[in-house]
Amino acid sequence: MLAEAQPYLLASEQHPFVQGILHGDLTPAQLHYYDQQDLSFEYNEIALINTLIDCSTTTQQALVFQKRQSLQFAYIAPWLNRGGADMPHDWAGLKQIPIQPMNQLYQQHMTGTLDSRSVLQILPAFAAGEWLYVELGEFAKKQVRDESPAYRNLLTFDTAAFHGPDGYLQQFWQIIDQAAHLATPAEQAQAKATFLKSCLLECYFWEAAYQCETWADWQKRALTRKP
């Protein structure tokens, strides 16, 4: 699964938005778009992690997801204090963020796994983004980058929490492997496809942020397309 996801990681490393983060040459509008859409995405993930807790098949699984949920809240809390006037600054405001097209597609892809009530189907949709960001964080450490406010740690996760034998990523892979061992070939294939689709949508998320793509842009293209 990870081997087949490598092209998406390489594409992300070279994407103009990621390169713009590293070199500090993104516009305020691009950074604001990313901040707003990613905050909405992080809020959406709370429901997904809650379902993982509820669908856990062992106490240990539930504890892993519960700890990851606590970390999710810890990420969101300071985020609410750093944005501008048109960003949410309280919990209720998170629900009012306008969700743009690619973000909505990605969120719906993830929440579409919830009806399965299966850790094997839900976790890959979530773990793909975790893996990609951790790998991009490692990539960023090796690059010459601008340490201006524009960098904003957008490509760094707490490596102590995510790396190593007790890190979240390794625990996620173990949970997926254990569930896959008990699954049918069709269920295994579906979980793999879900993981890779999340990786693909991450690439399109970068592109949407780079272009500041909105529903108005989609509408304009749809209504002005010539036969």
Protein backbone atom coordinates (compact mmCIF):
# COMPACT_ATOMS: atom_id res chain seq x y z
CA MET A 1 0.00 0.00 0.00
CA LEU A 2 2.73 2.47 0.95
CA ALA A 3 4.80 1.51 -2.08
CA GLU A 4 1.90 2.36 -4.38
CA ALA A 5 1.39 5.66 -2.55
CA GLN A 6 4.96 6.88 -3.18
CA PRO A 7 4.10 8.69 -6.45
CA TYR A 8 1.57 10.81 -4.55
CA LEU A 9 4.22 11.71 -1.98
CA LEU A 10 6.69 12.69 -4.70
CA ALA A 11 4.03 14.75 -6.47
CA SER A 12 3.22 16.52 -3.21
CA GLU A 13 6.88 17.29 -2.53
CA GLN A 14 7.21 19.02 -5.89
CA HIS A 15 3.83 20.75 -5.92
CA PRO A 16 4.07 24.56 -6.19
CA PHE A 17 2.04 25.03 -3.02
CA VAL A 18 4.34 22.83 -0.94
CA GLN A 19 7.39 24.44 -2.53
CA GLY A 20 5.81 27.81 -1.81
CA ILE A 21 5.51 26.92 1.87
CA LEU A 22 9.17 25.94 2.00
CA HIS A 23 10.37 29.07 0.22
CA GLY A 24 7.96 31.50 1.84
CA ASP A 25 6.62 32.86 -1.44
CA LEU A 26 2.91 32.04 -1.16
CA THR A 27 0.51 34.96 -1.16
CA PRO A 28 -1.54 35.90 1.91
CA ALA A 29 -4.64 34.81 -0.03
CA GLN A 30 -3.20 31.34 -0.66
CA LEU A 31 -2.20 30.90 2.98
CA HIS A 32 -5.58 32.12 4.17
CA TYR A 33 -7.40 29.74 1.82
CA TYR A 34 -5.32 26.84 3.09
CA ASP A 35 -5.79 27.81 6.73
CA GLN A 36 -9.54 28.12 6.37
CA GLN A 37 -10.06 24.91 4.39
CA ASP A 38 -7.67 22.83 6.46
CA LEU A 39 -9.30 23.97 9.69
CA SER A 40 -12.64 22.81 8.31
CA PHE A 41 -11.01 19.53 7.33
CA GLU A 42 -9.55 19.02 10.81
CA TYR A 43 -13.01 19.59 12.30
CA ASN A 44 -14.46 16.97 9.93
CA GLU A 45 -11.86 14.47 11.10
CA ILE A 46 -13.20 14.66 14.66
CA ALA A 47 -16.35 12.81 13.60
CA LEU A 48 -14.25 10.22 11.81
CA ILE A 49 -12.03 9.59 14.84
CA ASN A 50 -15.10 9.35 17.07
CA THR A 51 -16.44 6.61 14.81
CA LEU A 52 -13.11 4.79 14.92
CA ILE A 53 -13.36 4.78 18.71
CA ASP A 54 -16.91 3.46 18.54
CA CYS A 55 -16.04 0.76 15.98
CA SER A 56 -12.86 -0.42 17.69
CA THR A 57 -12.68 -4.16 18.20
CA THR A 58 -10.30 -4.01 21.18
CA THR A 59 -9.75 -1.71 24.13
CA GLN A 60 -6.23 -1.02 22.88
CA GLN A 61 -7.54 0.20 19.54
CA ALA A 62 -10.02 2.49 21.26
CA LEU A 63 -7.27 3.94 23.44
CA VAL A 64 -5.09 4.69 20.42
CA PHE A 65 -7.92 6.55 18.73
CA GLN A 66 -8.92 8.32 21.95
CA LYS A 67 -5.38 9.65 22.38
CA ARG A 68 -5.29 10.74 18.74
CA GLN A 69 -8.58 12.54 19.26
CA SER A 70 -7.13 14.45 22.21
CA LEU A 71 -4.25 15.50 19.98
CA GLN A 72 -6.74 16.67 17.36
CA PHE A 73 -8.35 19.02 19.87
CA ALA A 74 -4.91 20.24 20.91
CA TYR A 75 -4.15 21.14 17.27
CA ILE A 76 -7.42 22.96 16.71
CA ALA A 77 -7.47 25.02 19.93
CA PRO A 78 -4.53 27.36 19.11
CA TRP A 79 -5.64 27.51 15.48
CA LEU A 80 -8.80 29.29 16.59
CA ASN A 81 -6.70 32.08 18.08
CA ARG A 82 -4.38 32.79 15.18
CA GLY A 83 -6.66 33.61 12.25
CA GLY A 84 -8.03 36.89 10.99
CA ALA A 85 -11.45 38.39 11.47
CA ASP A 86 -13.05 36.11 8.89
CA MET A 87 -11.72 32.95 10.54
CA PRO A 88 -13.60 31.14 13.33
CA HIS A 89 -12.42 31.92 16.83
CA ASP A 90 -14.66 29.58 18.78
CA TRP A 91 -15.99 26.04 18.52
CA ALA A 92 -19.36 27.07 17.10
CA GLY A 93 -17.63 29.05 14.37
CA LEU A 94 -15.98 25.91 13.01
CA LYS A 95 -19.34 24.80 11.65
CA GLN A 96 -19.71 28.04 9.66
CA ILE A 97 -16.54 27.79 7.56
CA PRO A 98 -17.43 27.86 3.85
CA ILE A 99 -16.28 24.53 2.42
CA GLN A 100 -14.85 24.83 -1.08
CA PRO A 101 -15.21 22.16 -3.80
CA MET A 102 -12.10 20.01 -3.40
CA ASN A 103 -12.32 20.13 0.38
CA GLN A 104 -15.93 18.98 0.22
CA LEU A 105 -15.04 16.10 -2.10
CA TYR A 106 -12.26 14.99 0.21
CA GLN A 107 -14.42 15.25 3.32
CA GLN A 108 -17.20 13.29 1.65
CA HIS A 109 -14.73 10.62 0.58
CA MET A 110 -13.68 10.19 4.21
CA THR A 111 -17.13 10.33 5.78
CA GLY A 112 -18.39 7.96 3.09
CA THR A 113 -16.48 5.19 4.86
CA LEU A 114 -18.35 5.65 8.15
CA ASP A 115 -21.40 3.60 7.18
CA SER A 116 -19.16 0.55 6.88
CA ARG A 117 -18.69 0.61 10.68
CA SER A 118 -15.35 -1.06 9.92
CA VAL A 119 -11.99 0.09 11.22
CA LEU A 120 -10.42 -1.50 8.14
CA GLN A 121 -12.42 0.75 5.82
CA ILE A 122 -12.40 3.96 7.90
CA LEU A 123 -8.83 4.14 9.16
CA PRO A 124 -7.07 4.08 5.75
CA ALA A 125 -9.03 7.16 4.66
CA PHE A 126 -7.65 9.01 7.69
CA ALA A 127 -4.19 7.44 7.95
CA ALA A 128 -3.24 8.43 4.40
CA GLY A 129 -3.20 12.12 5.25
CA GLU A 130 -1.35 11.45 8.50
CA TRP A 131 1.33 9.51 6.63
CA LEU A 132 1.65 12.08 3.86
CA TYR A 133 2.05 15.02 6.25
CA VAL A 134 4.61 13.21 8.38
CA GLU A 135 6.62 12.31 5.28
CA LEU A 136 6.38 15.88 4.00
CA GLY A 137 7.58 17.08 7.38
CA GLU A 138 10.64 14.86 7.04
CA PHE A 139 11.14 16.15 3.50
CA ALA A 140 10.86 19.76 4.70
CA LYS A 141 13.57 19.25 7.31
CA LYS A 142 16.05 18.44 4.54
CA GLN A 143 15.23 21.50 2.44
CA VAL A 144 16.51 25.05 2.61
CA ARG A 145 13.41 26.90 3.65
CA ASP A 146 12.23 30.33 4.63
CA GLU A 147 11.47 30.56 8.36
CA SER A 148 9.17 33.55 7.93
CA PRO A 149 5.60 33.47 9.29
CA ALA A 150 4.48 32.12 5.92
CA TYR A 151 6.07 28.77 6.76
CA ARG A 152 3.81 28.44 9.81
CA ASN A 153 4.78 24.83 10.48
CA LEU A 154 2.23 23.68 7.91
CA LEU A 155 4.34 20.66 7.07
CA THR A 156 5.38 19.52 10.52
CA PHE A 157 3.76 17.04 12.85
CA ASP A 158 4.95 16.16 16.31
CA THR A 159 7.42 13.52 15.19
CA ALA A 160 7.72 12.12 18.71
CA ALA A 161 4.01 11.30 18.60
CA PHE A 162 3.92 9.96 15.05
CA HIS A 163 7.26 8.19 14.58
CA GLY A 164 8.82 5.14 16.17
CA PRO A 165 7.35 1.81 17.29
CA ASP A 166 4.90 3.54 19.63
CA GLY A 167 4.03 6.38 17.25
CA TYR A 168 0.56 6.83 15.81
CA LEU A 169 1.58 5.78 12.30
CA GLN A 170 3.03 2.46 13.39
CA GLN A 171 0.01 1.78 15.57
CA PHE A 172 -2.30 2.61 12.65
CA TRP A 173 -0.43 0.19 10.36
CA GLN A 174 -0.66 -2.55 12.98
CA ILE A 175 -4.40 -2.01 13.41
CA ILE A 176 -4.93 -2.07 9.64
CA ASP A 177 -2.81 -5.21 9.25
CA GLN A 178 -4.70 -7.00 12.02
CA ALA A 179 -8.06 -6.08 10.52
CA ALA A 180 -6.94 -7.01 7.00
CA HIS A 181 -5.85 -10.45 8.22
CA LEU A 182 -9.47 -11.19 9.12
CA ALA A 183 -10.97 -9.57 6.02
CA THR A 184 -11.92 -10.93 2.62
CA PRO A 185 -9.80 -10.11 -0.45
CA ALA A 186 -12.51 -7.72 -1.61
CA GLU A 187 -12.48 -5.88 1.72
CA GLN A 188 -8.70 -5.68 1.63
CA ALA A 189 -8.79 -4.26 -1.90
CA GLN A 190 -11.39 -1.68 -0.89
CA ALA A 191 -9.29 -0.51 2.07
CA LYS A 192 -6.25 -0.14 -0.17
CA ALA A 193 -8.24 1.81 -2.78
CA THR A 194 -9.55 4.11 -0.05
CA PHE A 195 -6.02 4.83 1.18
CA LEU A 196 -4.75 5.64 -2.30
CA LYS A 197 -7.76 7.81 -3.08
CA SER A 198 -7.05 9.87 0.04
CA CYS A 199 -3.46 10.32 -1.17
CA LEU A 200 -4.76 11.47 -4.55
CA LEU A 201 -7.18 13.93 -2.97
CA GLU A 202 -4.37 15.36 -0.84
CA CYS A 203 -2.59 16.27 -4.08
CA TYR A 204 -5.71 18.00 -5.35
CA PHE A 205 -6.06 19.79 -2.00
CA TRP A 206 -2.64 21.40 -2.61
CA GLU A 207 -3.74 22.43 -6.08
CA ALA A 208 -6.99 23.93 -4.81
CA ALA A 209 -5.07 25.95 -2.22
CA TYR A 210 -2.53 27.11 -4.80
CA GLN A 211 -5.33 28.27 -7.12
CA CYS A 212 -7.63 29.43 -4.27
CA GLU A 213 -10.34 27.48 -6.05
CA THR A 214 -13.93 28.27 -5.05
CA TRP A 215 -17.44 27.22 -6.00
CA ALA A 216 -17.66 30.44 -8.03
CA ASP A 217 -14.72 29.24 -10.13
CA TRP A 218 -16.42 25.90 -10.73
CA GLN A 219 -19.66 27.65 -11.68
CA LYS A 220 -17.86 29.95 -14.10
CA ARG A 221 -16.15 27.05 -15.85
CA ALA A 222 -19.38 25.07 -16.06
CA LEU A 223 -21.41 27.94 -17.49
CA THR A 224 -18.84 29.32 -19.91
CA ARG A 225 -17.61 26.05 -21.42
CA LYS A 226 -18.00 26.17 -25.18
CA PRO A 227 -19.23 23.14 -27.16
